[in-house]
C-alpha atoms as a PDB file:
ATOM      1  CA  MET A   1      30.398   0.418  26.189  1.00  0.00           C
ATOM      2  CA  ARG A   2      34.142   0.769  26.168  1.00  0.00           C
ATOM      3  CA  ALA A   3      37.064   0.158  23.839  1.00  0.00           C
ATOM      4  CA  GLU A   4      40.314  -1.150  25.248  1.00  0.00           C
ATOM      5  CA  GLY A   5      43.728  -1.502  23.642  1.00  0.00           C
ATOM      6  CA  ALA A   6      45.493  -4.783  23.643  1.00  0.00           C
ATOM      7  CA  GLY A   7      45.729  -5.710  27.040  1.00  0.00           C
ATOM      8  CA  GLY A   8      52.730 -16.234  31.952  1.00  0.00           C
ATOM      9  CA  GLY A   9      51.601 -18.284  34.519  1.00  0.00           C
ATOM     10  CA  CYS A  10      48.144 -19.631  35.012  1.00  0.00           C
ATOM     11  CA  GLY A  11      47.226 -19.111  38.640  1.00  0.00           C
ATOM     12  CA  ARG A  12      44.172 -17.119  39.668  1.00  0.00           C
ATOM     13  CA  VAL A  13      44.411 -13.739  37.958  1.00  0.00           C
ATOM     14  CA  THR A  14      42.078 -10.901  37.085  1.00  0.00           C
ATOM     15  CA  ASP A  15      40.767  -9.844  33.711  1.00  0.00           C
ATOM     16  CA  ARG A  16      42.834  -6.711  33.401  1.00  0.00           C
ATOM     17  CA  THR A  17      45.898  -5.959  31.311  1.00  0.00           C
ATOM     18  CA  ASN A  18      48.909  -8.254  31.190  1.00  0.00           C
ATOM     19  CA  THR A  19      52.461  -8.041  29.875  1.00  0.00           C
ATOM     20  CA  VAL A  20      52.106 -10.239  26.785  1.00  0.00           C
ATOM     21  CA  ASP A  21      53.812  -8.494  23.852  1.00  0.00           C
ATOM     22  CA  PHE A  22      52.673  -9.235  20.297  1.00  0.00           C
ATOM     23  CA  GLY A  23      55.003  -6.623  18.785  1.00  0.00           C
ATOM     24  CA  GLY A  24      57.492  -9.245  17.577  1.00  0.00           C
ATOM     25  CA  LEU A  25      54.643 -10.840  15.623  1.00  0.00           C
ATOM     26  CA  GLY A  26      53.676  -7.601  13.921  1.00  0.00           C
ATOM     27  CA  ILE A  27      50.121  -7.601  15.267  1.00  0.00           C
ATOM     28  CA  ALA A  28      48.026  -5.396  17.520  1.00  0.00           C
ATOM     29  CA  ILE A  29      44.940  -6.322  19.548  1.00  0.00           C
ATOM     30  CA  GLY A  30      41.965  -4.160  20.430  1.00  0.00           C
ATOM     31  CA  HIS A  31      38.812  -4.924  22.418  1.00  0.00           C
ATOM     32  CA  ALA A  32      35.404  -3.282  22.615  1.00  0.00           C
ATOM     33  CA  THR A  33      33.089  -4.321  25.453  1.00  0.00           C
ATOM     34  CA  ASP A  34      29.387  -3.828  26.093  1.00  0.00           C
ATOM     35  CA  GLU A  35      29.443  -4.694  29.801  1.00  0.00           C
ATOM     36  CA  ALA A  36      25.739  -4.217  30.414  1.00  0.00           C
ATOM     37  CA  GLY A  37      24.758  -6.113  27.290  1.00  0.00           C
ATOM     38  CA  GLY A  38      27.144  -8.974  28.041  1.00  0.00           C
ATOM     39  CA  THR A  39      28.877  -8.994  24.669  1.00  0.00           C
ATOM     40  CA  GLY A  40      31.836  -7.540  22.822  1.00  0.00           C
ATOM     41  CA  LEU A  41      34.408  -8.023  20.109  1.00  0.00           C
ATOM     42  CA  THR A  42      38.148  -8.238  19.562  1.00  0.00           C
ATOM     43  CA  VAL A  43      40.109  -7.078  16.522  1.00  0.00           C
ATOM     44  CA  VAL A  44      43.502  -8.539  15.605  1.00  0.00           C
ATOM     45  CA  ARG A  45      45.272  -6.493  12.939  1.00  0.00           C
ATOM     46  CA  GLY A  46      48.719  -5.859  11.547  1.00  0.00           C
ATOM     47  CA  ILE A  47      50.547  -3.067  13.338  1.00  0.00           C
ATOM     48  CA  ASP A  48      51.418  -1.291  10.113  1.00  0.00           C
ATOM     49  CA  GLY A  49      50.266  -3.536   7.279  1.00  0.00           C
ATOM     50  CA  PRO A  50      48.613  -6.770   6.170  1.00  0.00           C
ATOM     51  CA  ARG A  51      49.478 -10.340   7.114  1.00  0.00           C
ATOM     52  CA  ARG A  52      49.048 -13.621   5.310  1.00  0.00           C
ATOM     53  CA  GLY A  53      46.081 -15.591   6.652  1.00  0.00           C
ATOM     54  CA  ALA A  54      44.685 -19.114   6.786  1.00  0.00           C
ATOM     55  CA  ALA A  55      42.061 -20.970   8.810  1.00  0.00           C
ATOM     56  CA  HIS A  56      40.977 -24.395  10.008  1.00  0.00           C
ATOM     57  CA  ILE A  57      37.380 -25.252  11.000  1.00  0.00           C
ATOM     58  CA  ILE A  58      36.711 -27.998  13.544  1.00  0.00           C
ATOM     59  CA  GLY A  59      33.088 -27.765  14.646  1.00  0.00           C
ATOM     60  CA  ARG A  60      29.830 -27.986  12.688  1.00  0.00           C
ATOM     61  CA  ALA A  61      28.128 -24.869  14.042  1.00  0.00           C
ATOM     62  CA  SER A  62      30.445 -22.082  12.891  1.00  0.00           C
ATOM     63  CA  GLY A  63      29.456 -18.526  11.981  1.00  0.00           C
ATOM     64  CA  THR A  64      31.935 -16.722   9.735  1.00  0.00           C
ATOM     65  CA  ARG A  65      32.586 -13.928   7.265  1.00  0.00           C
ATOM     66  CA  GLU A  66      35.044 -13.821   4.324  1.00  0.00           C
ATOM     67  CA  LEU A  67      36.467 -17.219   5.234  1.00  0.00           C
ATOM     68  CA  HIS A  68      36.912 -18.131   1.570  1.00  0.00           C
ATOM     69  CA  VAL A  69      39.646 -15.516   1.073  1.00  0.00           C
ATOM     70  CA  LEU A  70      41.870 -17.624   3.319  1.00  0.00           C
ATOM     71  CA  GLU A  71      41.804 -20.600   0.937  1.00  0.00           C
ATOM     72  CA  PRO A  72      45.124 -21.263  -0.857  1.00  0.00           C
ATOM     73  CA  GLU A  73      43.538 -20.985  -4.318  1.00  0.00           C
ATOM     74  CA  HIS A  74      41.963 -17.576  -3.655  1.00  0.00           C
ATOM     75  CA  LEU A  75      43.383 -14.554  -5.491  1.00  0.00           C
ATOM     76  CA  VAL A  76      43.754 -12.469  -2.333  1.00  0.00           C
ATOM     77  CA  ASP A  77      47.013 -13.314  -0.566  1.00  0.00           C
ATOM     78  CA  ARG A  78      46.650 -11.110   2.524  1.00  0.00           C
ATOM     79  CA  VAL A  79      44.300 -10.067   5.305  1.00  0.00           C
ATOM     80  CA  ASP A  80      44.109  -6.693   6.977  1.00  0.00           C
ATOM     81  CA  ALA A  81      42.462  -7.835  10.209  1.00  0.00           C
ATOM     82  CA  ILE A  82      40.652 -10.705  11.896  1.00  0.00           C
ATOM     83  CA  MET A  83      37.555  -9.928  13.956  1.00  0.00           C
ATOM     84  CA  LEU A  84      36.421 -12.219  16.763  1.00  0.00           C
ATOM     85  CA  THR A  85      32.989 -11.240  17.996  1.00  0.00           C
ATOM     86  CA  GLY A  86      30.039 -12.057  20.173  1.00  0.00           C
ATOM     87  CA  GLY A  87      26.451 -11.557  19.083  1.00  0.00           C
ATOM     88  CA  SER A  88      26.150 -14.799  17.127  1.00  0.00           C
ATOM     89  CA  ALA A  89      25.500 -14.140  13.408  1.00  0.00           C
ATOM     90  CA  TYR A  90      24.292 -10.630  14.273  1.00  0.00           C
ATOM     91  CA  GLY A  91      27.830  -9.772  15.324  1.00  0.00           C
ATOM     92  CA  LEU A  92      29.229 -10.228  11.814  1.00  0.00           C
ATOM     93  CA  ASP A  93      27.750  -6.866  10.795  1.00  0.00           C
ATOM     94  CA  ALA A  94      30.279  -5.162  13.081  1.00  0.00           C
ATOM     95  CA  ALA A  95      33.077  -5.933  10.598  1.00  0.00           C
ATOM     96  CA  ALA A  96      31.942  -2.862   8.659  1.00  0.00           C
ATOM     97  CA  GLY A  97      33.571  -0.766  11.379  1.00  0.00           C
ATOM     98  CA  VAL A  98      36.928  -2.465  10.874  1.00  0.00           C
ATOM     99  CA  MET A  99      36.636  -1.905   7.124  1.00  0.00           C
ATOM    100  CA  ARG A 100      35.837   1.777   7.641  1.00  0.00           C
ATOM    101  CA  TRP A 101      38.912   2.305   9.818  1.00  0.00           C
ATOM    102  CA  MET A 102      41.096   0.401   7.358  1.00  0.00           C
ATOM    103  CA  GLU A 103      39.823   2.389   4.374  1.00  0.00           C
ATOM    104  CA  GLU A 104      40.442   5.672   6.176  1.00  0.00           C
ATOM    105  CA  ASP A 105      43.993   4.477   6.856  1.00  0.00           C
ATOM    106  CA  GLY A 106      44.513   3.450   3.234  1.00  0.00           C
ATOM    107  CA  ARG A 107      44.780  -0.254   4.042  1.00  0.00           C
ATOM    108  CA  GLY A 108      43.283  -2.970   1.911  1.00  0.00           C
ATOM    109  CA  PHE A 109      43.454  -4.838  -1.363  1.00  0.00           C
ATOM    110  CA  PRO A 110      44.198  -2.344  -4.166  1.00  0.00           C
ATOM    111  CA  ALA A 111      41.063  -1.697  -6.229  1.00  0.00           C
ATOM    112  CA  GLY A 112      41.310   1.099  -8.796  1.00  0.00           C
ATOM    113  CA  PRO A 113      41.151   4.464  -7.034  1.00  0.00           C
ATOM    114  CA  GLY A 114      40.854   2.941  -3.573  1.00  0.00           C
ATOM    115  CA  VAL A 115      41.225  -0.166  -1.441  1.00  0.00           C
ATOM    116  CA  VAL A 116      39.005  -2.993  -0.234  1.00  0.00           C
ATOM    117  CA  PRO A 117      39.981  -4.113   3.287  1.00  0.00           C
ATOM    118  CA  ILE A 118      40.044  -7.879   3.798  1.00  0.00           C
ATOM    119  CA  VAL A 119      38.496  -8.719   7.189  1.00  0.00           C
ATOM    120  CA  PRO A 120      37.587 -12.353   7.904  1.00  0.00           C
ATOM    121  CA  ALA A 121      35.550 -12.817  11.072  1.00  0.00           C
ATOM    122  CA  ALA A 122      34.085 -15.497  13.317  1.00  0.00           C
ATOM    123  CA  VAL A 123      31.413 -15.385  16.010  1.00  0.00           C
ATOM    124  CA  ILE A 124      30.511 -16.963  19.309  1.00  0.00           C
ATOM    125  CA  TYR A 125      26.990 -17.393  20.624  1.00  0.00           C
ATOM    126  CA  ASP A 126      26.665 -15.182  23.714  1.00  0.00           C
ATOM    127  CA  LEU A 127      23.061 -13.984  23.394  1.00  0.00           C
ATOM    128  CA  THR A 128      22.334 -15.920  26.596  1.00  0.00           C
ATOM    129  CA  PRO A 129      22.785 -16.305  29.546  1.00  0.00           C
ATOM    130  CA  CYS A 130      24.851 -13.158  30.144  1.00  0.00           C
ATOM    131  CA  GLY A 131      23.533  -9.666  29.578  1.00  0.00           C
ATOM    132  CA  ARG A 132      20.687  -9.079  27.105  1.00  0.00           C
ATOM    133  CA  PHE A 133      19.633 -11.125  24.090  1.00  0.00           C
ATOM    134  CA  ASP A 134      19.200  -7.971  21.984  1.00  0.00           C
ATOM    135  CA  ALA A 135      22.702  -6.628  22.745  1.00  0.00           C
ATOM    136  CA  ARG A 136      25.070  -7.082  19.793  1.00  0.00           C
ATOM    137  CA  PRO A 137      28.498  -5.677  18.950  1.00  0.00           C
ATOM    138  CA  THR A 138      28.235  -2.706  16.602  1.00  0.00           C
ATOM    139  CA  ALA A 139      30.278  -1.323  13.729  1.00  0.00           C
ATOM    140  CA  GLN A 140      31.290   1.632  15.907  1.00  0.00           C
ATOM    141  CA  MET A 141      32.607  -0.747  18.564  1.00  0.00           C
ATOM    142  CA  ALA A 142      34.673  -2.502  15.895  1.00  0.00           C
ATOM    143  CA  TYR A 143      35.971   0.819  14.562  1.00  0.00           C
ATOM    144  CA  ASP A 144      37.045   1.864  18.051  1.00  0.00           C
ATOM    145  CA  ALA A 145      38.714  -1.493  18.767  1.00  0.00           C
ATOM    146  CA  CYS A 146      40.628  -1.341  15.485  1.00  0.00           C
ATOM    147  CA  ARG A 147      41.701   2.255  16.062  1.00  0.00           C
ATOM    148  CA  ASP A 148      42.845   1.595  19.622  1.00  0.00           C
ATOM    149  CA  ALA A 149      44.568  -1.748  19.002  1.00  0.00           C
ATOM    150  CA  GLN A 150      48.059  -2.065  20.479  1.00  0.00           C
ATOM    151  CA  PRO A 151      50.700  -4.812  20.479  1.00  0.00           C
ATOM    152  CA  THR A 152      51.006  -4.760  24.282  1.00  0.00           C
ATOM    153  CA  GLY A 153      48.795  -4.272  27.318  1.00  0.00           C
ATOM    154  CA  ALA A 154      45.872  -6.443  26.222  1.00  0.00           C
ATOM    155  CA  ALA A 155      43.097  -7.229  28.670  1.00  0.00           C
ATOM    156  CA  GLU A 156      42.074 -10.855  29.225  1.00  0.00           C
ATOM    157  CA  GLY A 157      39.077 -12.643  30.680  1.00  0.00           C
ATOM    158  CA  SER A 158      35.561 -11.191  30.534  1.00  0.00           C
ATOM    159  CA  VAL A 159      36.321  -8.481  27.964  1.00  0.00           C
ATOM    160  CA  GLY A 160      36.047  -8.035  24.214  1.00  0.00           C
ATOM    161  CA  ALA A 161      34.826 -11.146  22.448  1.00  0.00           C
ATOM    162  CA  GLY A 162      35.068 -13.014  25.760  1.00  0.00           C
ATOM    163  CA  THR A 163      32.593 -10.792  27.615  1.00  0.00           C
ATOM    164  CA  GLY A 164      29.649 -13.204  27.424  1.00  0.00           C
ATOM    165  CA  ALA A 165      31.522 -16.478  26.929  1.00  0.00           C
ATOM    166  CA  THR A 166      30.674 -19.530  29.059  1.00  0.00           C
ATOM    167  CA  VAL A 167      32.142 -23.051  29.307  1.00  0.00           C
ATOM    168  CA  GLY A 168      31.069 -26.474  30.545  1.00  0.00           C
ATOM    169  CA  LYS A 169      27.505 -26.386  29.264  1.00  0.00           C
ATOM    170  CA  GLY A 170      27.112 -30.155  29.070  1.00  0.00           C
ATOM    171  CA  GLY A 171      25.257 -30.133  32.382  1.00  0.00           C
ATOM    172  CA  GLY A 172      22.996 -27.270  31.397  1.00  0.00           C
ATOM    173  CA  ILE A 173      23.698 -23.564  31.558  1.00  0.00           C
ATOM    174  CA  GLU A 174      22.881 -23.533  35.285  1.00  0.00           C
ATOM    175  CA  ARG A 175      25.993 -25.661  35.920  1.00  0.00           C
ATOM    176  CA  SER A 176      28.316 -23.819  33.526  1.00  0.00           C
ATOM    177  CA  MET A 177      31.190 -21.463  34.308  1.00  0.00           C
ATOM    178  CA  LYS A 178      32.465 -18.232  32.818  1.00  0.00           C
ATOM    179  CA  GLY A 179      34.676 -18.389  29.749  1.00  0.00           C
ATOM    180  CA  GLY A 180      36.601 -15.478  28.290  1.00  0.00           C
ATOM    181  CA  ILE A 181      39.521 -14.427  26.139  1.00  0.00           C
ATOM    182  CA  GLY A 182      43.110 -15.466  26.829  1.00  0.00           C
ATOM    183  CA  LEU A 183      46.459 -14.414  25.383  1.00  0.00           C
ATOM    184  CA  ALA A 184      49.884 -16.048  25.233  1.00  0.00           C
ATOM    185  CA  VAL A 185      53.229 -15.608  23.497  1.00  0.00           C
ATOM    186  CA  GLU A 186      55.958 -18.252  23.478  1.00  0.00           C
ATOM    187  CA  ARG A 187      59.488 -18.293  22.072  1.00  0.00           C
ATOM    188  CA  ALA A 188      61.810 -21.058  20.908  1.00  0.00           C
ATOM    189  CA  GLY A 189      65.085 -19.495  19.821  1.00  0.00           C
ATOM    190  CA  ALA A 190      64.301 -17.013  17.052  1.00  0.00           C
ATOM    191  CA  LEU A 191      60.831 -18.461  16.524  1.00  0.00           C
ATOM    192  CA  VAL A 192      57.896 -16.659  18.150  1.00  0.00           C
ATOM    193  CA  ALA A 193      54.262 -17.736  18.311  1.00  0.00           C
ATOM    194  CA  GLY A 194      51.313 -15.912  19.817  1.00  0.00           C
ATOM    195  CA  ALA A 195      47.719 -16.917  20.454  1.00  0.00           C
ATOM    196  CA  ILE A 196      44.413 -15.211  21.188  1.00  0.00           C
ATOM    197  CA  ALA A 197      41.644 -17.609  22.269  1.00  0.00           C
ATOM    198  CA  VAL A 198      37.957 -16.891  22.918  1.00  0.00           C
ATOM    199  CA  VAL A 199      36.680 -19.895  24.866  1.00  0.00           C
ATOM    200  CA  ASN A 200      32.914 -20.460  24.799  1.00  0.00           C
ATOM    201  CA  SER A 201      32.887 -24.244  24.830  1.00  0.00           C
ATOM    202  CA  PHE A 202      30.360 -26.998  25.386  1.00  0.00           C
ATOM    203  CA  GLY A 203      33.153 -28.984  27.037  1.00  0.00           C
ATOM    204  CA  ASP A 204      35.325 -28.546  30.131  1.00  0.00           C
ATOM    205  CA  VAL A 205      38.678 -26.733  30.094  1.00  0.00           C
ATOM    206  CA  ARG A 206      41.781 -28.538  31.353  1.00  0.00           C
ATOM    207  CA  ASP A 207      45.257 -27.482  32.413  1.00  0.00           C
ATOM    208  CA  GLU A 208      48.498 -28.797  30.947  1.00  0.00           C
ATOM    209  CA  GLN A 209      48.396 -31.800  33.287  1.00  0.00           C
ATOM    210  CA  GLY A 210      44.899 -32.744  32.121  1.00  0.00           C
ATOM    211  CA  ARG A 211      43.040 -31.583  35.236  1.00  0.00           C
ATOM    212  CA  ILE A 212      39.692 -29.837  34.780  1.00  0.00           C
ATOM    213  CA  VAL A 213      40.013 -26.217  35.874  1.00  0.00           C
ATOM    214  CA  ALA A 214      36.667 -24.883  34.609  1.00  0.00           C
ATOM    215  CA  GLY A 215      33.589 -26.669  33.344  1.00  0.00           C
ATOM    216  CA  ALA A 216      30.309 -28.310  34.199  1.00  0.00           C
ATOM    217  CA  ARG A 217      29.852 -28.283  37.972  1.00  0.00           C
ATOM    218  CA  GLY A 218      28.544 -31.306  39.833  1.00  0.00           C
ATOM    219  CA  GLU A 219      27.393 -31.633  43.417  1.00  0.00           C
ATOM    220  CA  THR A 220      30.926 -32.093  44.793  1.00  0.00           C
ATOM    221  CA  GLY A 221      33.296 -30.670  42.204  1.00  0.00           C
ATOM    222  CA  PHE A 222      33.478 -30.827  38.444  1.00  0.00           C
ATOM    223  CA  ALA A 223      31.137 -33.274  36.758  1.00  0.00           C
ATOM    224  CA  ASP A 224      33.617 -34.223  33.980  1.00  0.00           C
ATOM    225  CA  THR A 225      31.455 -33.793  30.898  1.00  0.00           C
ATOM    226  CA  ILE A 226      32.921 -36.703  28.912  1.00  0.00           C
ATOM    227  CA  ARG A 227      32.406 -39.115  31.811  1.00  0.00           C
ATOM    228  CA  TRP A 228      28.921 -37.748  32.393  1.00  0.00           C
ATOM    229  CA  LEU A 229      27.951 -38.073  28.721  1.00  0.00           C
ATOM    230  CA  THR A 230      29.095 -41.696  28.501  1.00  0.00           C
ATOM    231  CA  LEU A 231      27.484 -43.037  31.676  1.00  0.00           C
ATOM    232  CA  PRO A 232      24.752 -45.654  31.138  1.00  0.00           C
ATOM    233  CA  GLY A 233      21.462 -43.840  31.142  1.00  0.00           C
ATOM    234  CA  GLY A 234      23.295 -40.525  30.789  1.00  0.00           C
ATOM    235  CA  PRO A 235      21.720 -37.389  29.348  1.00  0.00           C
ATOM    236  CA  ARG A 236      20.147 -37.564  25.921  1.00  0.00           C
ATOM    237  CA  ARG A 237      18.776 -34.053  25.432  1.00  0.00           C
ATOM    238  CA  PHE A 238      20.879 -30.967  24.816  1.00  0.00           C
ATOM    239  CA  SER A 239      18.382 -28.523  23.373  1.00  0.00           C
ATOM    240  CA  ASP A 240      19.757 -25.690  25.485  1.00  0.00           C
ATOM    241  CA  ALA A 241      23.296 -26.274  24.165  1.00  0.00           C
ATOM    242  CA  GLN A 242      22.733 -26.660  20.429  1.00  0.00           C
ATOM    243  CA  GLY A 243      24.566 -24.061  18.380  1.00  0.00           C
ATOM    244  CA  ARG A 244      25.636 -22.092  21.454  1.00  0.00           C
ATOM    245  CA  ASN A 245      29.240 -23.211  21.806  1.00  0.00           C
ATOM    246  CA  THR A 246      32.312 -21.986  19.999  1.00  0.00           C
ATOM    247  CA  THR A 247      36.014 -21.577  20.652  1.00  0.00           C
ATOM    248  CA  ILE A 248      37.509 -19.162  18.133  1.00  0.00           C
ATOM    249  CA  SER A 249      41.165 -18.241  18.106  1.00  0.00           C
ATOM    250  CA  VAL A 250      44.061 -16.678  16.242  1.00  0.00           C
ATOM    251  CA  VAL A 251      47.600 -18.026  16.206  1.00  0.00           C
ATOM    252  CA  ALA A 252      50.354 -15.791  14.840  1.00  0.00           C
ATOM    253  CA  ILE A 253      53.948 -16.613  13.951  1.00  0.00           C
ATOM    254  CA  ASN A 254      56.944 -14.462  13.078  1.00  0.00           C
ATOM    255  CA  VAL A 255      58.138 -16.465  10.048  1.00  0.00           C
ATOM    256  CA  ALA A 256      56.830 -16.237   6.487  1.00  0.00           C
ATOM    257  CA  MET A 257      54.847 -19.093   4.965  1.00  0.00           C
ATOM    258  CA  ASP A 258      52.638 -19.630   1.960  1.00  0.00           C
ATOM    259  CA  LYS A 259      48.921 -20.269   2.423  1.00  0.00           C
ATOM    260  CA  VAL A 260      49.216 -24.052   2.255  1.00  0.00           C
ATOM    261  CA  GLN A 261      51.904 -24.136   4.945  1.00  0.00           C
ATOM    262  CA  LEU A 262      50.029 -21.627   7.093  1.00  0.00           C
ATOM    263  CA  ARG A 263      46.791 -23.575   6.882  1.00  0.00           C
ATOM    264  CA  GLN A 264      48.683 -26.602   8.162  1.00  0.00           C
ATOM    265  CA  VAL A 265      49.863 -24.529  11.135  1.00  0.00           C
ATOM    266  CA  ALA A 266      46.219 -23.714  11.926  1.00  0.00           C
ATOM    267  CA  ARG A 267      45.307 -27.396  11.578  1.00  0.00           C
ATOM    268  CA  ALA A 268      48.206 -28.552  13.769  1.00  0.00           C
ATOM    269  CA  ALA A 269      47.364 -25.946  16.408  1.00  0.00           C
ATOM    270  CA  SER A 270      43.975 -27.626  16.817  1.00  0.00           C
ATOM    271  CA  ALA A 271      45.812 -30.186  18.961  1.00  0.00           C
ATOM    272  CA  ALA A 272      45.495 -27.593  21.725  1.00  0.00           C
ATOM    273  CA  TYR A 273      41.715 -27.703  21.446  1.00  0.00           C
ATOM    274  CA  TYR A 274      41.645 -31.477  21.842  1.00  0.00           C
ATOM    275  CA  GLN A 275      44.097 -31.391  24.763  1.00  0.00           C
ATOM    276  CA  ARG A 276      42.546 -28.491  26.658  1.00  0.00           C
ATOM    277  CA  ILE A 277      38.792 -28.739  25.929  1.00  0.00           C
ATOM    278  CA  THR A 278      36.850 -31.968  26.468  1.00  0.00           C
ATOM    279  CA  PRO A 279      34.814 -32.736  24.493  1.00  0.00           C
ATOM    280  CA  VAL A 280      35.539 -30.397  21.572  1.00  0.00           C
ATOM    281  CA  GLY A 281      34.584 -30.196  17.911  1.00  0.00           C
ATOM    282  CA  THR A 282      31.156 -31.662  18.662  1.00  0.00           C
ATOM    283  CA  SER A 283      28.016 -31.253  16.584  1.00  0.00           C
ATOM    284  CA  PHE A 284      27.152 -28.360  18.907  1.00  0.00           C
ATOM    285  CA  ASP A 285      30.498 -26.501  18.498  1.00  0.00           C
ATOM    286  CA  GLY A 286      31.576 -23.983  15.849  1.00  0.00           C
ATOM    287  CA  ASP A 287      35.310 -24.049  16.507  1.00  0.00           C
ATOM    288  CA  ILE A 288      37.729 -22.179  14.223  1.00  0.00           C
ATOM    289  CA  ILE A 289      41.446 -21.375  14.283  1.00  0.00           C
ATOM    290  CA  PHE A 290      42.858 -18.510  12.217  1.00  0.00           C
ATOM    291  CA  ALA A 291      46.591 -18.313  11.513  1.00  0.00           C
ATOM    292  CA  LEU A 292      48.616 -15.210  10.599  1.00  0.00           C
ATOM    293  CA  CYS A 293      52.180 -14.689   9.430  1.00  0.00           C
ATOM    294  CA  PRO A 294      54.288 -12.053   7.613  1.00  0.00           C
ATOM    295  CA  LEU A 295      53.986 -11.806   3.837  1.00  0.00           C
ATOM    296  CA  THR A 296      57.762 -11.974   3.442  1.00  0.00           C
ATOM    297  CA  GLY A 297      60.812 -12.565   5.616  1.00  0.00           C
ATOM    298  CA  PRO A 298      62.733 -15.379   7.287  1.00  0.00           C
ATOM    299  CA  THR A 299      61.250 -18.869   7.250  1.00  0.00           C
ATOM    300  CA  GLY A 300      61.161 -21.605   9.887  1.00  0.00           C
ATOM    301  CA  THR A 301      60.872 -25.369  10.052  1.00  0.00           C
ATOM    302  CA  GLN A 302      57.275 -26.484   9.523  1.00  0.00           C
ATOM    303  CA  LEU A 303      57.156 -28.976  12.397  1.00  0.00           C
ATOM    304  CA  GLY A 304      58.787 -26.583  14.837  1.00  0.00           C
ATOM    305  CA  VAL A 305      56.306 -23.844  13.984  1.00  0.00           C
ATOM    306  CA  GLU A 306      53.352 -26.222  14.331  1.00  0.00           C
ATOM    307  CA  ALA A 307      54.490 -27.507  17.718  1.00  0.00           C
ATOM    308  CA  LEU A 308      55.085 -24.036  19.138  1.00  0.00           C
ATOM    309  CA  ALA A 309      51.754 -22.749  17.830  1.00  0.00           C
ATOM    310  CA  ALA A 310      49.878 -25.630  19.474  1.00  0.00           C
ATOM    311  CA  ARG A 311      51.634 -25.141  22.802  1.00  0.00           C
ATOM    312  CA  THR A 312      50.985 -21.407  22.805  1.00  0.00           C
ATOM    313  CA  LEU A 313      47.325 -21.828  21.933  1.00  0.00           C
ATOM    314  CA  GLY A 314      46.910 -24.286  24.804  1.00  0.00           C
ATOM    315  CA  MET A 315      48.234 -21.667  27.209  1.00  0.00           C
ATOM    316  CA  ALA A 316      45.842 -19.027  25.840  1.00  0.00           C
ATOM    317  CA  ILE A 317      42.862 -21.375  26.230  1.00  0.00           C
ATOM    318  CA  GLU A 318      43.656 -21.923  29.900  1.00  0.00           C
ATOM    319  CA  ARG A 319      44.239 -18.231  30.522  1.00  0.00           C
ATOM    320  CA  ALA A 320      40.841 -17.464  29.025  1.00  0.00           C
ATOM    321  CA  VAL A 321      39.106 -19.183  31.945  1.00  0.00           C
ATOM    322  CA  ARG A 322      41.713 -18.370  34.597  1.00  0.00           C
ATOM    323  CA  THR A 323      41.160 -14.653  34.005  1.00  0.00           C
ATOM    324  CA  ALA A 324      37.372 -14.689  33.637  1.00  0.00           C
ATOM    325  CA  ARG A 325      35.099 -13.035  36.195  1.00  0.00           C
ATOM    326  CA  GLY A 326      31.626 -14.434  36.781  1.00  0.00           C
ATOM    327  CA  ARG A 327      28.405 -12.580  36.117  1.00  0.00           C
ATOM    328  CA  ASP A 328      24.647 -13.138  35.930  1.00  0.00           C
ATOM    329  CA  GLY A 329      24.851 -16.151  38.209  1.00  0.00           C
ATOM    330  CA  VAL A 330      27.647 -17.843  36.233  1.00  0.00           C
ATOM    331  CA  PRO A 331      30.798 -18.153  38.396  1.00  0.00           C
ATOM    332  CA  GLY A 332      34.321 -17.479  37.128  1.00  0.00           C
ATOM    333  CA  LEU A 333      37.773 -18.556  38.282  1.00  0.00           C
ATOM    334  CA  ALA A 334      38.791 -14.919  38.780  1.00  0.00           C
ATOM    335  CA  ASP A 335      35.972 -14.312  41.282  1.00  0.00           C
ATOM    336  CA  PRO A 336      37.454 -13.468  44.706  1.00  0.00           C
ATOM    337  CA  ASP A 337      35.121 -15.941  46.394  1.00  0.00           C
ATOM    338  CA  TRP A 338      35.446 -18.768  43.860  1.00  0.00           C
ATOM    339  CA  ALA A 339      35.850 -22.172  45.424  1.00  0.00           C
ATOM    340  CA  GLN A 340      35.267 -25.495  43.760  1.00  0.00           C
ATOM    341  CA  GLY A 341      32.416 -27.101  45.620  1.00  0.00           C
END
């Protein structure tokens, strides 16, 4: 196992570090990867303090922790970290490692003589086909990822929470491709938005022009899952896909908002899911978008923030598959010998 600090363009790239800088957003990213087990996790935390948080759920098959603290009516008005993890529901236990690091650092919601760190989390199902079913992210992995998190130098692709991710499972896992984790930061004047996306979707992933770049493979190219699903006499059984598909992501902005405004940013950013993943938000998906912003500071126009967040998230979704290496018989776009056939 290994922990890695936070590791433009969307051509074929490798899943190593890139130059995306989240420092202007006040957040740091850390990964921990169990390469042999085919799983991992990613921690997104404030560089030196908490952030305001919100979330929007799209799919029906989500697995989460502490999601209720992100509701506008909840007493807690901050989060100390967001954990994105593999391991399905088993992976949620790893959040204890983030809490331990936070407590040691004196971070958390004040509670008498100490603090209680606020760490919402979401999972993807990666117990199969990559690695081992009994491999799950651990609290120590989460501790290491939180400790080593950095605002720059993040790895992408088949690392962290993206280690065991796959996409395009509509044709069965044998026709799927490797998913992963992607990062992006975009600017519009003084406004900055960043996105971290773990793509483990039932559907295909498309580029900005709407072309499928990774997904269910047919005999002579991509099958196009939506077309395939709607053909007369098309498939009717998806037992191997139920509950095994999730795209979980974090969008961060550099302007202060209240919880209601921030939740709307998360909701608006879901446009990227619908544009870049087809189909998405199905009965078999557990899709979630977290949103983070400063507790105080300059503000921005709501519509401008929403538009930039959606655009940035779309870029991160595409990078997640562009940077992913294949494994265990599942091909990835970053494989040296990848060719659409």
